[in-house]
PDB file of N, CA and C in Angstrom:
ATOM      1  N   MET A   1       2.419  21.265  13.312  1.00  0.00           N
ATOM      2  CA  MET A   1       1.763  20.120  13.918  1.00  0.00           C
ATOM      3  C   MET A   1       0.949  19.068  12.709  1.00  0.00           C
ATOM      4  N   ASN A   2       0.346  19.881  11.812  1.00  0.00           N
ATOM      5  CA  ASN A   2      -0.346  19.215  10.672  1.00  0.00           C
ATOM      6  C   ASN A   2       0.610  18.131   9.922  1.00  0.00           C
ATOM      7  N   ILE A   3       1.651  19.003   9.545  1.00  0.00           N
ATOM      8  CA  ILE A   3       2.636  18.213   8.643  1.00  0.00           C
ATOM      9  C   ILE A   3       2.881  16.996   9.319  1.00  0.00           C
ATOM     10  N   ILE A   4       3.157  17.147  10.719  1.00  0.00           N
ATOM     11  CA  ILE A   4       3.829  15.864  11.345  1.00  0.00           C
ATOM     12  C   ILE A   4       2.568  14.840  11.001  1.00  0.00           C
ATOM     13  N   ILE A   5       1.437  14.953  11.380  1.00  0.00           N
ATOM     14  CA  ILE A   5       0.232  14.245  11.727  1.00  0.00           C
ATOM     15  C   ILE A   5      -0.109  13.583   9.967  1.00  0.00           C
ATOM     16  N   GLY A   6       0.003  14.479   9.394  1.00  0.00           N
ATOM     17  CA  GLY A   6      -0.104  14.226   7.638  1.00  0.00           C
ATOM     18  C   GLY A   6       1.066  13.050   7.263  1.00  0.00           C
ATOM     19  N   SER A   7       2.100  13.473   7.725  1.00  0.00           N
ATOM     20  CA  SER A   7       3.483  12.545   7.440  1.00  0.00           C
ATOM     21  C   SER A   7       3.073  11.180   8.015  1.00  0.00           C
ATOM     22  N   ILE A   8       2.731  11.197   9.360  1.00  0.00           N
ATOM     23  CA  ILE A   8       2.864   9.931   9.760  1.00  0.00           C
ATOM     24  C   ILE A   8       1.599   9.039   9.282  1.00  0.00           C
ATOM     25  N   SER A   9       0.425   9.651   8.917  1.00  0.00           N
ATOM     26  CA  SER A   9      -0.624   9.103   8.434  1.00  0.00           C
ATOM     27  C   SER A   9      -0.278   8.498   7.093  1.00  0.00           C
ATOM     28  N   LEU A  10       0.407   9.495   6.315  1.00  0.00           N
ATOM     29  CA  LEU A  10       1.188   8.993   5.011  1.00  0.00           C
ATOM     30  C   LEU A  10       1.721   7.576   4.909  1.00  0.00           C
ATOM     31  N   LEU A  11       2.771   7.638   6.110  1.00  0.00           N
ATOM     32  CA  LEU A  11       3.652   6.462   6.295  1.00  0.00           C
ATOM     33  C   LEU A  11       2.914   5.150   6.842  1.00  0.00           C
ATOM     34  N   LEU A  12       2.072   5.313   7.725  1.00  0.00           N
ATOM     35  CA  LEU A  12       1.055   4.170   8.034  1.00  0.00           C
ATOM     36  C   LEU A  12       0.427   3.745   6.942  1.00  0.00           C
ATOM     37  N   ALA A  13      -0.201   4.526   5.967  1.00  0.00           N
ATOM     38  CA  ALA A  13      -1.079   4.385   4.906  1.00  0.00           C
ATOM     39  C   ALA A  13      -0.294   3.351   3.935  1.00  0.00           C
ATOM     40  N   ILE A  14       0.825   3.770   3.765  1.00  0.00           N
ATOM     41  CA  ILE A  14       1.899   3.113   2.790  1.00  0.00           C
ATOM     42  C   ILE A  14       2.241   1.658   3.136  1.00  0.00           C
ATOM     43  N   ALA A  15       2.921   1.737   4.513  1.00  0.00           N
ATOM     44  CA  ALA A  15       3.137   0.588   5.239  1.00  0.00           C
ATOM     45  C   ALA A  15       1.924  -0.570   4.949  1.00  0.00           C
ATOM     46  N   ILE A  16       0.878  -0.207   5.578  1.00  0.00           N
ATOM     47  CA  ILE A  16      -0.167  -1.063   5.677  1.00  0.00           C
ATOM     48  C   ILE A  16      -0.971  -1.643   4.268  1.00  0.00           C
ATOM     49  N   GLY A  17      -0.714  -0.421   3.262  1.00  0.00           N
ATOM     50  CA  GLY A  17      -1.001  -0.740   1.933  1.00  0.00           C
ATOM     51  C   GLY A  17      -0.200  -1.704   1.415  1.00  0.00           C
ATOM     52  N   ALA A  18       1.192  -1.310   1.307  1.00  0.00           N
ATOM     53  CA  ALA A  18       1.968  -2.573   0.824  1.00  0.00           C
ATOM     54  C   ALA A  18       2.006  -3.765   1.259  1.00  0.00           C
ATOM     55  N   TYR A  19       1.471  -3.794   2.688  1.00  0.00           N
ATOM     56  CA  TYR A  19       1.186  -5.323   3.323  1.00  0.00           C
ATOM     57  C   TYR A  19       0.075  -5.848   2.696  1.00  0.00           C
ATOM     58  N   ARG A  20      -0.822  -5.058   2.575  1.00  0.00           N
ATOM     59  CA  ARG A  20      -2.135  -5.632   1.605  1.00  0.00           C
ATOM     60  C   ARG A  20      -1.866  -6.041   0.361  1.00  0.00           C
ATOM     61  N   GLN A  21      -0.992  -5.070  -0.578  1.00  0.00           N
ATOM     62  CA  GLN A  21      -0.617  -5.458  -2.014  1.00  0.00           C
ATOM     63  C   GLN A  21       0.212  -6.942  -1.911  1.00  0.00           C
ATOM     64  N   ASN A  22       1.004  -7.112  -0.825  1.00  0.00           N
ATOM     65  CA  ASN A  22       2.148  -8.202  -0.585  1.00  0.00           C
ATOM     66  C   ASN A  22       1.185  -9.564  -0.544  1.00  0.00           C
ATOM     67  N   CYS A  23       0.131  -9.107   0.345  1.00  0.00           N
ATOM     68  CA  CYS A  23      -0.742 -10.404   0.311  1.00  0.00           C
ATOM     69  C   CYS A  23      -1.675 -10.982  -0.753  1.00  0.00           C
ATOM     70  N   ILE A  24      -2.197  -9.656  -1.442  1.00  0.00           N
ATOM     71  CA  ILE A  24      -2.761  -9.947  -2.491  1.00  0.00           C
ATOM     72  C   ILE A  24      -1.990 -10.888  -3.731  1.00  0.00           C
ATOM     73  N   PHE A  25      -0.789 -10.251  -3.930  1.00  0.00           N
ATOM     74  CA  PHE A  25       0.026 -10.868  -4.777  1.00  0.00           C
ATOM     75  C   PHE A  25       0.428 -12.233  -4.387  1.00  0.00           C
ATOM     76  N   TRP A  26       0.674 -12.744  -3.071  1.00  0.00           N
ATOM     77  CA  TRP A  26       0.677 -14.067  -2.852  1.00  0.00           C
ATOM     78  C   TRP A  26      -0.689 -15.001  -2.779  1.00  0.00           C
ATOM     79  N   GLU A  27      -1.749 -14.194  -2.455  1.00  0.00           N
ATOM     80  CA  GLU A  27      -3.241 -15.067  -2.828  1.00  0.00           C
ATOM     81  C   GLU A  27      -3.204 -15.214  -4.331  1.00  0.00           C
ATOM     82  N   ASN A  28      -2.830 -14.508  -5.041  1.00  0.00           N
ATOM     83  CA  ASN A  28      -3.092 -14.574  -6.405  1.00  0.00           C
ATOM     84  C   ASN A  28      -1.870 -15.823  -7.289  1.00  0.00           C
ATOM     85  N   LYS A  29      -0.795 -15.766  -6.658  1.00  0.00           N
ATOM     86  CA  LYS A  29       0.358 -16.353  -7.296  1.00  0.00           C
ATOM     87  C   LYS A  29       0.551 -17.911  -6.578  1.00  0.00           C
ATOM     88  N   LEU A  30       0.860 -17.678  -5.239  1.00  0.00           N
ATOM     89  CA  LEU A  30       1.056 -18.904  -4.583  1.00  0.00           C
ATOM     90  C   LEU A  30       0.199 -18.873  -3.175  1.00  0.00           C
ATOM     91  N   PRO A  31      -0.982 -19.318  -3.454  1.00  0.00           N
ATOM     92  CA  PRO A  31      -2.027 -19.079  -2.319  1.00  0.00           C
ATOM     93  C   PRO A  31      -1.302 -20.153  -0.806  1.00  0.00           C
ATOM     94  N   TYR A  32      -0.491 -20.804  -1.114  1.00  0.00           N
ATOM     95  CA  TYR A  32      -0.129 -21.727   0.134  1.00  0.00           C
ATOM     96  C   TYR A  32       0.938 -20.755   0.933  1.00  0.00           C
ATOM     97  N   ASN A  33       1.432 -19.558   0.155  1.00  0.00           N
ATOM     98  CA  ASN A  33       2.402 -18.814   0.658  1.00  0.00           C
ATOM     99  C   ASN A  33       1.924 -17.471   1.137  1.00  0.00           C
ATOM    100  N   CYS A  34       0.582 -17.395   1.270  1.00  0.00           N
ATOM    101  CA  CYS A  34       0.037 -16.023   1.528  1.00  0.00           C
ATOM    102  C   CYS A  34       0.060 -16.140   3.193  1.00  0.00           C
ATOM    103  N   PRO A  35       0.111 -15.015   3.680  1.00  0.00           N
ATOM    104  CA  PRO A  35      -0.075 -15.185   5.338  1.00  0.00           C
ATOM    105  C   PRO A  35      -1.401 -15.554   5.807  1.00  0.00           C
ATOM    106  N   LEU A  36      -1.350 -16.582   6.868  1.00  0.00           N
ATOM    107  CA  LEU A  36      -2.723 -16.914   7.554  1.00  0.00           C
ATOM    108  C   LEU A  36      -3.617 -16.356   7.779  1.00  0.00           C
ATOM    109  N   LEU A  37      -3.215 -15.019   8.718  1.00  0.00           N
ATOM    110  CA  LEU A  37      -4.156 -14.221   8.974  1.00  0.00           C
ATOM    111  C   LEU A  37      -4.842 -13.536   7.746  1.00  0.00           C
ATOM    112  N   TRP A  38      -4.378 -13.548   6.759  1.00  0.00           N
ATOM    113  CA  TRP A  38      -4.806 -12.659   5.635  1.00  0.00           C
ATOM    114  C   TRP A  38      -5.956 -13.828   4.980  1.00  0.00           C
ATOM    115  N   LYS A  39      -5.616 -14.949   4.814  1.00  0.00           N
ATOM    116  CA  LYS A  39      -6.543 -16.168   4.424  1.00  0.00           C
ATOM    117  C   LYS A  39      -7.458 -16.324   4.959  1.00  0.00           C
ATOM    118  N   THR A  40      -7.442 -16.576   6.294  1.00  0.00           N
ATOM    119  CA  THR A  40      -8.694 -16.828   7.155  1.00  0.00           C
ATOM    120  C   THR A  40      -9.545 -15.828   7.844  1.00  0.00           C
ATOM    121  N   SER A  41      -8.942 -14.490   8.150  1.00  0.00           N
ATOM    122  CA  SER A  41      -9.835 -13.614   8.532  1.00  0.00           C
ATOM    123  C   SER A  41     -10.322 -12.282   7.709  1.00  0.00           C
ATOM    124  N   ALA A  42     -11.389 -12.528   7.395  1.00  0.00           N
ATOM    125  CA  ALA A  42     -12.192 -11.490   6.367  1.00  0.00           C
ATOM    126  C   ALA A  42     -12.187  -9.964   7.392  1.00  0.00           C
ATOM    127  N   THR A  43     -12.212 -10.296   8.548  1.00  0.00           N
ATOM    128  CA  THR A  43     -12.208  -8.848   9.481  1.00  0.00           C
ATOM    129  C   THR A  43     -10.873  -8.493   9.386  1.00  0.00           C
ATOM    130  N   PHE A  44      -9.697  -8.954   9.480  1.00  0.00           N
ATOM    131  CA  PHE A  44      -8.524  -8.531   9.254  1.00  0.00           C
ATOM    132  C   PHE A  44      -8.331  -7.771   7.848  1.00  0.00           C
ATOM    133  N   ARG A  45      -8.949  -8.289   6.902  1.00  0.00           N
ATOM    134  CA  ARG A  45      -8.890  -7.692   5.557  1.00  0.00           C
ATOM    135  C   ARG A  45      -9.513  -6.565   5.593  1.00  0.00           C
ATOM    136  N   LEU A  46     -10.790  -6.432   6.037  1.00  0.00           N
ATOM    137  CA  LEU A  46     -11.610  -5.308   6.104  1.00  0.00           C
ATOM    138  C   LEU A  46     -11.133  -4.140   6.874  1.00  0.00           C
ATOM    139  N   LEU A  47     -10.424  -4.562   7.857  1.00  0.00           N
ATOM    140  CA  LEU A  47      -9.972  -3.388   9.197  1.00  0.00           C
ATOM    141  C   LEU A  47      -8.538  -3.015   8.610  1.00  0.00           C
ATOM    142  N   SER A  48      -8.014  -3.911   7.679  1.00  0.00           N
ATOM    143  CA  SER A  48      -6.446  -3.227   6.985  1.00  0.00           C
ATOM    144  C   SER A  48      -7.048  -2.219   5.954  1.00  0.00           C
ATOM    145  N   TRP A  49      -7.958  -2.368   5.351  1.00  0.00           N
ATOM    146  CA  TRP A  49      -8.472  -1.615   4.264  1.00  0.00           C
ATOM    147  C   TRP A  49      -9.048  -0.676   4.724  1.00  0.00           C
ATOM    148  N   LEU A  50      -9.900  -0.581   5.764  1.00  0.00           N
ATOM    149  CA  LEU A  50     -10.249   0.872   6.379  1.00  0.00           C
ATOM    150  C   LEU A  50      -9.129   1.515   6.997  1.00  0.00           C
ATOM    151  N   ALA A  51      -8.191   0.955   7.690  1.00  0.00           N
ATOM    152  CA  ALA A  51      -6.927   1.851   8.242  1.00  0.00           C
ATOM    153  C   ALA A  51      -6.226   2.445   7.006  1.00  0.00           C
ATOM    154  N   THR A  52      -6.100   1.790   5.887  1.00  0.00           N
ATOM    155  CA  THR A  52      -5.361   2.277   4.788  1.00  0.00           C
ATOM    156  C   THR A  52      -6.085   3.253   3.994  1.00  0.00           C
ATOM    157  N   THR A  53      -7.618   3.167   3.885  1.00  0.00           N
ATOM    158  CA  THR A  53      -8.238   4.172   3.635  1.00  0.00           C
ATOM    159  C   THR A  53      -8.538   5.620   4.506  1.00  0.00           C
ATOM    160  N   LEU A  54      -8.466   5.186   5.727  1.00  0.00           N
ATOM    161  CA  LEU A  54      -8.738   6.290   6.607  1.00  0.00           C
ATOM    162  C   LEU A  54      -7.413   7.283   6.526  1.00  0.00           C
ATOM    163  N   PHE A  55      -6.160   6.642   6.892  1.00  0.00           N
ATOM    164  CA  PHE A  55      -4.791   7.379   6.903  1.00  0.00           C
ATOM    165  C   PHE A  55      -4.473   7.815   5.615  1.00  0.00           C
ATOM    166  N   SER A  56      -5.028   7.598   4.321  1.00  0.00           N
ATOM    167  CA  SER A  56      -4.702   7.991   2.957  1.00  0.00           C
ATOM    168  C   SER A  56      -5.491   9.342   2.823  1.00  0.00           C
ATOM    169  N   ILE A  57      -6.819   9.068   3.277  1.00  0.00           N
ATOM    170  CA  ILE A  57      -7.504  10.247   3.050  1.00  0.00           C
ATOM    171  C   ILE A  57      -7.237  11.214   3.912  1.00  0.00           C
ATOM    172  N   LEU A  58      -6.744  10.765   5.224  1.00  0.00           N
ATOM    173  CA  LEU A  58      -6.306  11.995   6.281  1.00  0.00           C
ATOM    174  C   LEU A  58      -5.022  12.625   5.699  1.00  0.00           C
ATOM    175  N   ALA A  59      -4.199  12.143   5.402  1.00  0.00           N
ATOM    176  CA  ALA A  59      -2.793  12.434   4.885  1.00  0.00           C
ATOM    177  C   ALA A  59      -3.141  13.426   3.298  1.00  0.00           C
ATOM    178  N   ALA A  60      -3.894  12.802   2.809  1.00  0.00           N
ATOM    179  CA  ALA A  60      -3.972  13.786   1.559  1.00  0.00           C
ATOM    180  C   ALA A  60      -4.844  15.037   1.643  1.00  0.00           C
ATOM    181  N   PHE A  61      -5.965  14.672   2.699  1.00  0.00           N
ATOM    182  CA  PHE A  61      -6.539  16.138   3.178  1.00  0.00           C
ATOM    183  C   PHE A  61      -5.643  17.101   3.641  1.00  0.00           C
ATOM    184  N   ILE A  62      -5.095  16.827   4.707  1.00  0.00           N
ATOM    185  CA  ILE A  62      -3.844  17.635   5.066  1.00  0.00           C
ATOM    186  C   ILE A  62      -2.927  18.378   4.291  1.00  0.00           C
ATOM    187  N   PHE A  63      -2.328  17.396   3.232  1.00  0.00           N
ATOM    188  CA  PHE A  63      -1.303  18.074   2.552  1.00  0.00           C
ATOM    189  C   PHE A  63      -2.084  18.948   1.213  1.00  0.00           C
ATOM    190  N   ALA A  64      -3.249  18.627   1.099  1.00  0.00           N
ATOM    191  CA  ALA A  64      -4.080  19.177  -0.029  1.00  0.00           C
ATOM    192  C   ALA A  64      -4.508  20.517   0.680  1.00  0.00           C
ATOM    193  N   THR A  65      -4.849  20.509   2.068  1.00  0.00           N
ATOM    194  CA  THR A  65      -5.186  21.783   2.551  1.00  0.00           C
ATOM    195  C   THR A  65      -4.178  22.971   2.816  1.00  0.00           C
ATOM    196  N   LEU A  66      -2.886  22.352   2.839  1.00  0.00           N
ATOM    197  CA  LEU A  66      -1.819  23.111   2.884  1.00  0.00           C
ATOM    198  C   LEU A  66      -1.350  23.623   1.575  1.00  0.00           C
ATOM    199  N   LEU A  67      -1.637  22.962   0.804  1.00  0.00           N
ATOM    200  CA  LEU A  67      -1.664  23.435  -0.686  1.00  0.00           C
ATOM    201  C   LEU A  67      -2.371  24.447  -1.127  1.00  0.00           C
ATOM    202  N   VAL A  68      -3.623  24.437  -0.577  1.00  0.00           N
ATOM    203  CA  VAL A  68      -4.836  25.540  -0.663  1.00  0.00           C
ATOM    204  C   VAL A  68      -4.253  26.777  -0.004  1.00  0.00           C
ATOM    205  N   ASP A  69      -3.746  26.793   1.141  1.00  0.00           N
ATOM    206  CA  ASP A  69      -2.984  27.990   1.769  1.00  0.00           C
ATOM    207  C   ASP A  69      -1.973  28.432   1.181  1.00  0.00           C
ATOM    208  N   GLU A  70      -1.080  27.345   0.427  1.00  0.00           N
ATOM    209  CA  GLU A  70       0.364  28.095  -0.284  1.00  0.00           C
ATOM    210  C   GLU A  70      -0.017  28.355  -1.862  1.00  0.00           C
ATOM    211  N   ALA A  71      -0.678  27.704  -2.486  1.00  0.00           N
ATOM    212  CA  ALA A  71      -0.748  28.043  -4.041  1.00  0.00           C
ATOM    213  C   ALA A  71      -2.211  28.585  -4.422  1.00  0.00           C
ATOM    214  N   SER A  72      -3.337  27.599  -4.479  1.00  0.00           N
ATOM    215  CA  SER A  72      -4.580  28.276  -4.893  1.00  0.00           C
ATOM    216  C   SER A  72      -5.573  27.157  -4.589  1.00  0.00           C
ATOM    217  N   GLU A  73      -6.805  27.296  -4.720  1.00  0.00           N
ATOM    218  CA  GLU A  73      -7.877  26.424  -4.316  1.00  0.00           C
ATOM    219  C   GLU A  73      -7.726  25.279  -5.341  1.00  0.00           C
ATOM    220  N   PHE A  74      -7.536  25.751  -6.464  1.00  0.00           N
ATOM    221  CA  PHE A  74      -7.538  24.440  -7.625  1.00  0.00           C
ATOM    222  C   PHE A  74      -6.496  23.393  -7.472  1.00  0.00           C
ATOM    223  N   VAL A  75      -5.269  24.137  -7.210  1.00  0.00           N
ATOM    224  CA  VAL A  75      -3.954  22.983  -6.930  1.00  0.00           C
ATOM    225  C   VAL A  75      -4.106  22.151  -5.767  1.00  0.00           C
ATOM    226  N   GLY A  76      -5.091  22.876  -4.639  1.00  0.00           N
ATOM    227  CA  GLY A  76      -5.025  22.068  -3.507  1.00  0.00           C
ATOM    228  C   GLY A  76      -6.376  20.877  -3.828  1.00  0.00           C
ATOM    229  N   LYS A  77      -7.166  21.153  -4.450  1.00  0.00           N
ATOM    230  CA  LYS A  77      -8.232  20.324  -4.738  1.00  0.00           C
ATOM    231  C   LYS A  77      -7.928  19.033  -5.698  1.00  0.00           C
ATOM    232  N   PHE A  78      -7.039  19.682  -6.585  1.00  0.00           N
ATOM    233  CA  PHE A  78      -6.318  18.583  -7.655  1.00  0.00           C
ATOM    234  C   PHE A  78      -5.392  17.819  -6.857  1.00  0.00           C
ATOM    235  N   SER A  79      -4.804  18.250  -6.076  1.00  0.00           N
ATOM    236  CA  SER A  79      -3.720  17.407  -5.325  1.00  0.00           C
ATOM    237  C   SER A  79      -4.312  16.356  -4.381  1.00  0.00           C
ATOM    238  N   PHE A  80      -5.515  16.669  -4.009  1.00  0.00           N
ATOM    239  CA  PHE A  80      -6.179  15.649  -3.179  1.00  0.00           C
ATOM    240  C   PHE A  80      -6.038  14.211  -3.990  1.00  0.00           C
ATOM    241  N   GLY A  81      -6.663  14.519  -5.154  1.00  0.00           N
ATOM    242  CA  GLY A  81      -6.620  13.313  -5.899  1.00  0.00           C
ATOM    243  C   GLY A  81      -5.288  12.412  -6.214  1.00  0.00           C
ATOM    244  N   VAL A  82      -4.461  13.440  -6.633  1.00  0.00           N
ATOM    245  CA  VAL A  82      -3.013  12.896  -7.039  1.00  0.00           C
ATOM    246  C   VAL A  82      -2.282  12.706  -6.016  1.00  0.00           C
ATOM    247  N   LEU A  83      -2.473  12.966  -4.605  1.00  0.00           N
ATOM    248  CA  LEU A  83      -2.142  12.429  -3.431  1.00  0.00           C
ATOM    249  C   LEU A  83      -2.043  11.026  -3.081  1.00  0.00           C
ATOM    250  N   LEU A  84      -3.831  10.700  -3.363  1.00  0.00           N
ATOM    251  CA  LEU A  84      -4.181   9.306  -3.057  1.00  0.00           C
ATOM    252  C   LEU A  84      -3.805   8.468  -3.925  1.00  0.00           C
ATOM    253  N   PHE A  85      -3.790   9.041  -5.428  1.00  0.00           N
ATOM    254  CA  PHE A  85      -2.929   7.830  -6.313  1.00  0.00           C
ATOM    255  C   PHE A  85      -1.613   7.765  -6.223  1.00  0.00           C
ATOM    256  N   ILE A  86      -0.844   8.983  -5.660  1.00  0.00           N
ATOM    257  CA  ILE A  86       0.569   8.535  -5.506  1.00  0.00           C
ATOM    258  C   ILE A  86       1.003   7.489  -4.243  1.00  0.00           C
ATOM    259  N   ARG A  87      -0.069   7.399  -3.368  1.00  0.00           N
ATOM    260  CA  ARG A  87      -0.170   6.961  -2.036  1.00  0.00           C
ATOM    261  C   ARG A  87      -0.335   5.528  -2.355  1.00  0.00           C
ATOM    262  N   TRP A  88      -1.431   5.097  -3.388  1.00  0.00           N
ATOM    263  CA  TRP A  88      -1.621   3.906  -3.868  1.00  0.00           C
ATOM    264  C   TRP A  88      -0.500   2.931  -4.658  1.00  0.00           C
ATOM    265  N   LEU A  89       0.133   4.031  -5.704  1.00  0.00           N
ATOM    266  CA  LEU A  89       0.988   3.467  -6.334  1.00  0.00           C
ATOM    267  C   LEU A  89       2.361   2.984  -5.904  1.00  0.00           C
ATOM    268  N   THR A  90       2.513   3.939  -4.439  1.00  0.00           N
ATOM    269  CA  THR A  90       3.847   3.641  -4.015  1.00  0.00           C
ATOM    270  C   THR A  90       3.465   2.308  -3.263  1.00  0.00           C
ATOM    271  N   SER A  91       2.489   1.975  -2.323  1.00  0.00           N
ATOM    272  CA  SER A  91       2.203   0.977  -1.846  1.00  0.00           C
ATOM    273  C   SER A  91       2.060  -0.325  -2.561  1.00  0.00           C
ATOM    274  N   LEU A  92       1.531  -0.295  -3.895  1.00  0.00           N
ATOM    275  CA  LEU A  92       1.693  -1.214  -4.777  1.00  0.00           C
ATOM    276  C   LEU A  92       3.145  -1.603  -5.353  1.00  0.00           C
ATOM    277  N   LEU A  93       3.817  -0.362  -5.503  1.00  0.00           N
ATOM    278  CA  LEU A  93       5.381  -0.910  -5.913  1.00  0.00           C
ATOM    279  C   LEU A  93       6.104  -1.419  -4.816  1.00  0.00           C
ATOM    280  N   ILE A  94       6.019  -0.975  -3.644  1.00  0.00           N
ATOM    281  CA  ILE A  94       6.583  -1.517  -2.357  1.00  0.00           C
ATOM    282  C   ILE A  94       6.282  -3.099  -2.140  1.00  0.00           C
ATOM    283  N   GLY A  95       4.910  -3.209  -2.293  1.00  0.00           N
ATOM    284  CA  GLY A  95       4.252  -4.412  -1.726  1.00  0.00           C
ATOM    285  C   GLY A  95       4.454  -5.665  -2.655  1.00  0.00           C
ATOM    286  N   GLN A  96       4.426  -5.225  -4.231  1.00  0.00           N
ATOM    287  CA  GLN A  96       4.333  -6.420  -5.107  1.00  0.00           C
ATOM    288  C   GLN A  96       5.986  -6.669  -5.452  1.00  0.00           C
ATOM    289  N   SER A  97       6.481  -5.533  -5.483  1.00  0.00           N
ATOM    290  CA  SER A  97       8.160  -5.568  -6.080  1.00  0.00           C
ATOM    291  C   SER A  97       8.829  -6.797  -5.094  1.00  0.00           C
ATOM    292  N   SER A  98       8.699  -6.432  -3.890  1.00  0.00           N
ATOM    293  CA  SER A  98       9.329  -7.544  -2.752  1.00  0.00           C
ATOM    294  C   SER A  98       8.745  -8.760  -2.936  1.00  0.00           C
ATOM    295  N   ALA A  99       7.485  -8.930  -3.174  1.00  0.00           N
ATOM    296  CA  ALA A  99       6.851 -10.129  -3.204  1.00  0.00           C
ATOM    297  C   ALA A  99       7.564 -10.989  -4.809  1.00  0.00           C
ATOM    298  N   TYR A 100       7.411  -9.972  -5.791  1.00  0.00           N
ATOM    299  CA  TYR A 100       7.825 -10.589  -6.870  1.00  0.00           C
ATOM    300  C   TYR A 100       9.227 -10.991  -6.778  1.00  0.00           C
ATOM    301  N   SER A 101      10.236 -10.351  -6.200  1.00  0.00           N
ATOM    302  CA  SER A 101      11.327 -10.733  -6.186  1.00  0.00           C
ATOM    303  C   SER A 101      11.634 -12.202  -5.143  1.00  0.00           C
ATOM    304  N   GLN A 102      10.954 -12.422  -4.230  1.00  0.00           N
ATOM    305  CA  GLN A 102      10.758 -13.526  -3.234  1.00  0.00           C
ATOM    306  C   GLN A 102      10.069 -14.750  -4.548  1.00  0.00           C
ATOM    307  N   PHE A 103       9.172 -14.644  -5.293  1.00  0.00           N
ATOM    308  CA  PHE A 103       8.493 -15.180  -6.068  1.00  0.00           C
ATOM    309  C   PHE A 103       9.352 -15.771  -6.871  1.00  0.00           C
ATOM    310  N   ALA A 104      10.104 -14.985  -7.366  1.00  0.00           N
ATOM    311  CA  ALA A 104      11.295 -15.172  -8.808  1.00  0.00           C
ATOM    312  C   ALA A 104      12.266 -16.122  -8.047  1.00  0.00           C
ATOM    313  N   GLU A 105      12.896 -15.734  -6.986  1.00  0.00           N
ATOM    314  CA  GLU A 105      13.628 -16.717  -6.255  1.00  0.00           C
ATOM    315  C   GLU A 105      13.144 -18.211  -5.942  1.00  0.00           C
ATOM    316  N   ILE A 106      11.776 -18.495  -5.370  1.00  0.00           N
ATOM    317  CA  ILE A 106      11.126 -19.573  -5.386  1.00  0.00           C
ATOM    318  C   ILE A 106      11.247 -20.246  -6.708  1.00  0.00           C
ATOM    319  N   GLU A 107      10.565 -19.520  -7.825  1.00  0.00           N
ATOM    320  CA  GLU A 107      10.357 -20.268  -9.109  1.00  0.00           C
ATOM    321  C   GLU A 107      11.823 -20.520  -9.557  1.00  0.00           C
ATOM    322  N   LYS A 108      13.174 -19.783  -9.332  1.00  0.00           N
ATOM    323  CA  LYS A 108      14.354 -20.331  -9.809  1.00  0.00           C
ATOM    324  C   LYS A 108      14.662 -21.533  -9.109  1.00  0.00           C
ATOM    325  N   GLY A 109      14.286 -21.607  -7.842  1.00  0.00           N
ATOM    326  CA  GLY A 109      14.782 -22.750  -6.929  1.00  0.00           C
ATOM    327  C   GLY A 109      14.010 -23.839  -7.623  1.00  0.00           C
ATOM    328  N   MET A 110      12.721 -23.862  -7.800  1.00  0.00           N
ATOM    329  CA  MET A 110      11.951 -24.809  -8.431  1.00  0.00           C
ATOM    330  C   MET A 110      12.323 -25.085  -9.621  1.00  0.00           C
ATOM    331  N   MET A 111      12.887 -24.539 -10.462  1.00  0.00           N
ATOM    332  CA  MET A 111      13.227 -24.719 -11.662  1.00  0.00           C
ATOM    333  C   MET A 111      14.819 -25.702 -11.488  1.00  0.00           C
ATOM    334  N   GLU A 112      15.618 -25.233 -10.469  1.00  0.00           N
ATOM    335  CA  GLU A 112      16.938 -25.983 -10.475  1.00  0.00           C
ATOM    336  C   GLU A 112      16.491 -27.281  -9.844  1.00  0.00           C
ATOM    337  N   LYS A 113      15.489 -27.542  -9.093  1.00  0.00           N
ATOM    338  CA  LYS A 113      15.210 -28.719  -8.771  1.00  0.00           C
ATOM    339  C   LYS A 113      14.477 -29.521  -9.840  1.00  0.00           C
ATOM    340  N   ASP A 114      14.169 -29.140 -10.767  1.00  0.00           N
ATOM    341  CA  ASP A 114      13.442 -29.721 -11.739  1.00  0.00           C
ATOM    342  C   ASP A 114      14.686 -30.449 -12.799  1.00  0.00           C
ATOM    343  N   MET A 115      15.734 -29.572 -12.568  1.00  0.00           N
ATOM    344  CA  MET A 115      16.674 -29.805 -13.709  1.00  0.00           C
ATOM    345  C   MET A 115      17.538 -31.173 -13.046  1.00  0.00           C
ATOM    346  N   GLU A 116      17.463 -31.131 -11.742  1.00  0.00           N
ATOM    347  CA  GLU A 116      18.355 -32.082 -11.234  1.00  0.00           C
ATOM    348  C   GLU A 116      18.043 -33.561 -11.520  1.00  0.00           C
TER     349      GLU A 116
END
């Protein structure tokens, strides 16, 4: 049961984190392309951060606890931080890579218009 809860928490943390990374990318590169909810609602940004943080900590805690039982206490404690870092990196790669590819297409289209 813990593995299921941990997996669901991890997937939710990655999905919400990827959306946050996507919004941050657009906010920095093309602010007019940033989702309206992200631009206008500080509450949404705070709640999405809280959800990502809570789901990340829950997933990392569950999997680190399982590793303590299977391997050793050191491995479990060390894996907690590693799991948090891997979750963050995964969200970053998913969120910003999709945004970057869309940005490249927009930039290419703008370059083609300028050439005409």
